[in-house]
Amino acid sequence: GGSGGGSSSSRKKWFMKSNEKNFLFEDNLLDALSLHDYNSTHYFGRMEYNVALETYFALANTGYVFSRATLRQIGEHLDSCREENKLVTIKQRQAVSDEAGVSGGDGGG
């Protein structure tokens, strides 16, 4: 059990997201990550470019790893990302509709 304080989270060095179908050799991953400083920004994984949104995103199917420093930088932008998420969803829906040659969605969330 924890004290409820931030001490346990401060020990976290890396964040990994992976598809349930991926097979992972944990020792190999930890050995590879130990060669890098988790207090520096690091992203390991595959990036995809979304032409419709004109931006890159992390591809979860292959898995990715963020260092603590990277997560801290991302964290500074989470509130604005949450606010923009509805707009991104609308843009994605419109891009798919345009590509399929059908009329766009209702514009709602």
C-alpha atoms as a PDB file:
ATOM      1  CA  GLY A   1       0.000   0.000   0.000  1.00  0.00           C
ATOM      2  CA  GLY A   2       1.081   3.561  -0.574  1.00  0.00           C
ATOM      3  CA  SER A   3       0.885   6.655   1.528  1.00  0.00           C
ATOM      4  CA  GLY A   4      -1.194   8.448  -1.085  1.00  0.00           C
ATOM      5  CA  GLY A   5       1.672  10.835  -1.722  1.00  0.00           C
ATOM      6  CA  GLY A   6       3.572  11.355  -4.936  1.00  0.00           C
ATOM      7  CA  SER A   7       6.572   9.283  -3.898  1.00  0.00           C
ATOM      8  CA  SER A   8       5.681   6.136  -5.827  1.00  0.00           C
ATOM      9  CA  SER A   9       4.942   8.036  -9.046  1.00  0.00           C
ATOM     10  CA  SER A  10       8.256   9.880  -8.753  1.00  0.00           C
ATOM     11  CA  ARG A  11      10.024   6.510  -9.096  1.00  0.00           C
ATOM     12  CA  LYS A  12       8.408   5.870 -12.463  1.00  0.00           C
ATOM     13  CA  LYS A  13      10.953   6.300 -15.236  1.00  0.00           C
ATOM     14  CA  TRP A  14       9.215   5.157 -18.409  1.00  0.00           C
ATOM     15  CA  PHE A  15       5.674   4.855 -19.761  1.00  0.00           C
ATOM     16  CA  MET A  16       4.863   2.120 -22.253  1.00  0.00           C
ATOM     17  CA  LYS A  17       1.727   1.657 -24.351  1.00  0.00           C
ATOM     18  CA  SER A  18       1.316  -1.557 -26.289  1.00  0.00           C
ATOM     19  CA  ASN A  19      -1.301  -3.543 -28.104  1.00  0.00           C
ATOM     20  CA  GLU A  20      -2.482  -6.684 -26.297  1.00  0.00           C
ATOM     21  CA  LYS A  21      -1.298  -8.739 -29.272  1.00  0.00           C
ATOM     22  CA  ASN A  22       2.328  -7.653 -28.879  1.00  0.00           C
ATOM     23  CA  PHE A  23       4.826 -10.023 -27.294  1.00  0.00           C
ATOM     24  CA  LEU A  24       7.340  -8.347 -25.013  1.00  0.00           C
ATOM     25  CA  PHE A  25      10.645  -9.489 -23.593  1.00  0.00           C
ATOM     26  CA  GLU A  26      10.566  -7.251 -20.536  1.00  0.00           C
ATOM     27  CA  ASP A  27      14.217  -7.812 -19.577  1.00  0.00           C
ATOM     28  CA  ASN A  28      15.358  -6.854 -23.078  1.00  0.00           C
ATOM     29  CA  LEU A  29      13.236  -3.705 -23.027  1.00  0.00           C
ATOM     30  CA  LEU A  30      14.545  -2.682 -19.604  1.00  0.00           C
ATOM     31  CA  ASP A  31      18.140  -3.338 -20.713  1.00  0.00           C
ATOM     32  CA  ALA A  32      17.630  -1.155 -23.793  1.00  0.00           C
ATOM     33  CA  LEU A  33      15.975   1.626 -21.797  1.00  0.00           C
ATOM     34  CA  SER A  34      18.772   1.578 -19.214  1.00  0.00           C
ATOM     35  CA  LEU A  35      21.078   2.972 -21.910  1.00  0.00           C
ATOM     36  CA  HIS A  36      19.036   6.186 -21.958  1.00  0.00           C
ATOM     37  CA  ASP A  37      18.435   8.917 -19.396  1.00  0.00           C
ATOM     38  CA  TYR A  38      14.760   8.982 -18.394  1.00  0.00           C
ATOM     39  CA  ASN A  39      15.216  12.609 -17.281  1.00  0.00           C
ATOM     40  CA  SER A  40      15.836  13.546 -20.929  1.00  0.00           C
ATOM     41  CA  THR A  41      13.089  13.516 -23.519  1.00  0.00           C
ATOM     42  CA  HIS A  42      12.857  10.209 -25.355  1.00  0.00           C
ATOM     43  CA  TYR A  43      10.200   8.635 -27.532  1.00  0.00           C
ATOM     44  CA  PHE A  44      10.652   5.102 -28.834  1.00  0.00           C
ATOM     45  CA  GLY A  45       8.110   3.798 -31.275  1.00  0.00           C
ATOM     46  CA  ARG A  46       6.621   4.338 -34.667  1.00  0.00           C
ATOM     47  CA  MET A  47       5.140   7.648 -35.802  1.00  0.00           C
ATOM     48  CA  GLU A  48       2.470   8.017 -38.452  1.00  0.00           C
ATOM     49  CA  TYR A  49       1.599  11.191 -40.318  1.00  0.00           C
ATOM     50  CA  ASN A  50      -2.078  12.044 -40.660  1.00  0.00           C
ATOM     51  CA  VAL A  51      -2.376  14.032 -43.889  1.00  0.00           C
ATOM     52  CA  ALA A  52      -5.890  15.268 -43.149  1.00  0.00           C
ATOM     53  CA  LEU A  53      -4.896  16.638 -39.740  1.00  0.00           C
ATOM     54  CA  GLU A  54      -1.373  17.627 -40.834  1.00  0.00           C
ATOM     55  CA  THR A  55       0.188  16.163 -37.716  1.00  0.00           C
ATOM     56  CA  TYR A  56       2.085  13.137 -36.433  1.00  0.00           C
ATOM     57  CA  PHE A  57       0.779  10.693 -33.864  1.00  0.00           C
ATOM     58  CA  ALA A  58       2.130   7.712 -31.946  1.00  0.00           C
ATOM     59  CA  LEU A  59       1.064   4.413 -33.437  1.00  0.00           C
ATOM     60  CA  ALA A  60      -0.166   2.255 -30.561  1.00  0.00           C
ATOM     61  CA  ASN A  61      -0.375  -1.008 -32.507  1.00  0.00           C
ATOM     62  CA  THR A  62       3.402  -1.322 -32.565  1.00  0.00           C
ATOM     63  CA  GLY A  63       3.782   0.034 -29.043  1.00  0.00           C
ATOM     64  CA  TYR A  64       5.681   3.052 -27.802  1.00  0.00           C
ATOM     65  CA  VAL A  65       7.681   4.216 -24.796  1.00  0.00           C
ATOM     66  CA  PHE A  66       7.952   7.737 -23.342  1.00  0.00           C
ATOM     67  CA  SER A  67      10.577   8.845 -20.836  1.00  0.00           C
ATOM     68  CA  ARG A  68       9.536  10.627 -17.641  1.00  0.00           C
ATOM     69  CA  ALA A  69      10.754  13.937 -19.086  1.00  0.00           C
ATOM     70  CA  THR A  70       8.660  13.443 -22.222  1.00  0.00           C
ATOM     71  CA  LEU A  71       5.560  12.702 -20.151  1.00  0.00           C
ATOM     72  CA  ARG A  72       6.133  15.859 -18.139  1.00  0.00           C
ATOM     73  CA  GLN A  73       6.235  17.895 -21.348  1.00  0.00           C
ATOM     74  CA  ILE A  74       3.112  16.188 -22.653  1.00  0.00           C
ATOM     75  CA  GLY A  75       1.384  16.748 -19.320  1.00  0.00           C
ATOM     76  CA  GLU A  76       1.768  20.495 -19.699  1.00  0.00           C
ATOM     77  CA  HIS A  77      -0.501  20.305 -22.762  1.00  0.00           C
ATOM     78  CA  LEU A  78      -3.131  17.772 -21.685  1.00  0.00           C
ATOM     79  CA  ASP A  79      -5.803  20.306 -20.776  1.00  0.00           C
ATOM     80  CA  SER A  80      -5.565  22.017 -24.156  1.00  0.00           C
ATOM     81  CA  CYS A  81      -5.491  18.613 -25.893  1.00  0.00           C
ATOM     82  CA  ARG A  82      -8.688  17.600 -24.123  1.00  0.00           C
ATOM     83  CA  GLU A  83     -10.341  20.826 -25.273  1.00  0.00           C
ATOM     84  CA  GLU A  84      -9.124  20.322 -28.841  1.00  0.00           C
ATOM     85  CA  ASN A  85     -10.036  16.611 -28.915  1.00  0.00           C
ATOM     86  CA  LYS A  86     -13.600  17.315 -29.997  1.00  0.00           C
ATOM     87  CA  LEU A  87     -12.349  19.428 -32.892  1.00  0.00           C
ATOM     88  CA  VAL A  88      -9.833  16.735 -33.893  1.00  0.00           C
ATOM     89  CA  THR A  89     -12.576  14.105 -33.826  1.00  0.00           C
ATOM     90  CA  ILE A  90     -14.736  16.253 -36.090  1.00  0.00           C
ATOM     91  CA  LYS A  91     -11.803  16.796 -38.476  1.00  0.00           C
ATOM     92  CA  GLN A  92     -11.078  13.066 -38.543  1.00  0.00           C
ATOM     93  CA  ARG A  93     -14.698  12.245 -39.301  1.00  0.00           C
ATOM     94  CA  GLN A  94     -14.738  14.828 -42.095  1.00  0.00           C
ATOM     95  CA  ALA A  95     -11.460  13.491 -43.556  1.00  0.00           C
ATOM     96  CA  VAL A  96     -12.808   9.946 -43.621  1.00  0.00           C
ATOM     97  CA  SER A  97     -16.050  11.132 -45.171  1.00  0.00           C
ATOM     98  CA  ASP A  98     -14.183  13.136 -47.804  1.00  0.00           C
ATOM     99  CA  GLU A  99     -11.960  10.182 -48.639  1.00  0.00           C
ATOM    100  CA  ALA A 100     -14.955   7.883 -48.944  1.00  0.00           C
ATOM    101  CA  GLY A 101     -16.774  10.413 -51.135  1.00  0.00           C
ATOM    102  CA  VAL A 102     -19.744  10.767 -48.809  1.00  0.00           C
ATOM    103  CA  SER A 103     -21.139  13.858 -47.188  1.00  0.00           C
ATOM    104  CA  GLY A 104     -19.568  14.807 -43.872  1.00  0.00           C
ATOM    105  CA  GLY A 105     -20.893  14.224 -40.383  1.00  0.00           C
ATOM    106  CA  ASP A 106     -23.170  16.515 -38.474  1.00  0.00           C
ATOM    107  CA  GLY A 107     -20.240  18.468 -37.007  1.00  0.00           C
ATOM    108  CA  GLY A 108     -21.230  17.437 -33.511  1.00  0.00           C
ATOM    109  CA  GLY A 109     -19.085  15.605 -30.975  1.00  0.00           C
END
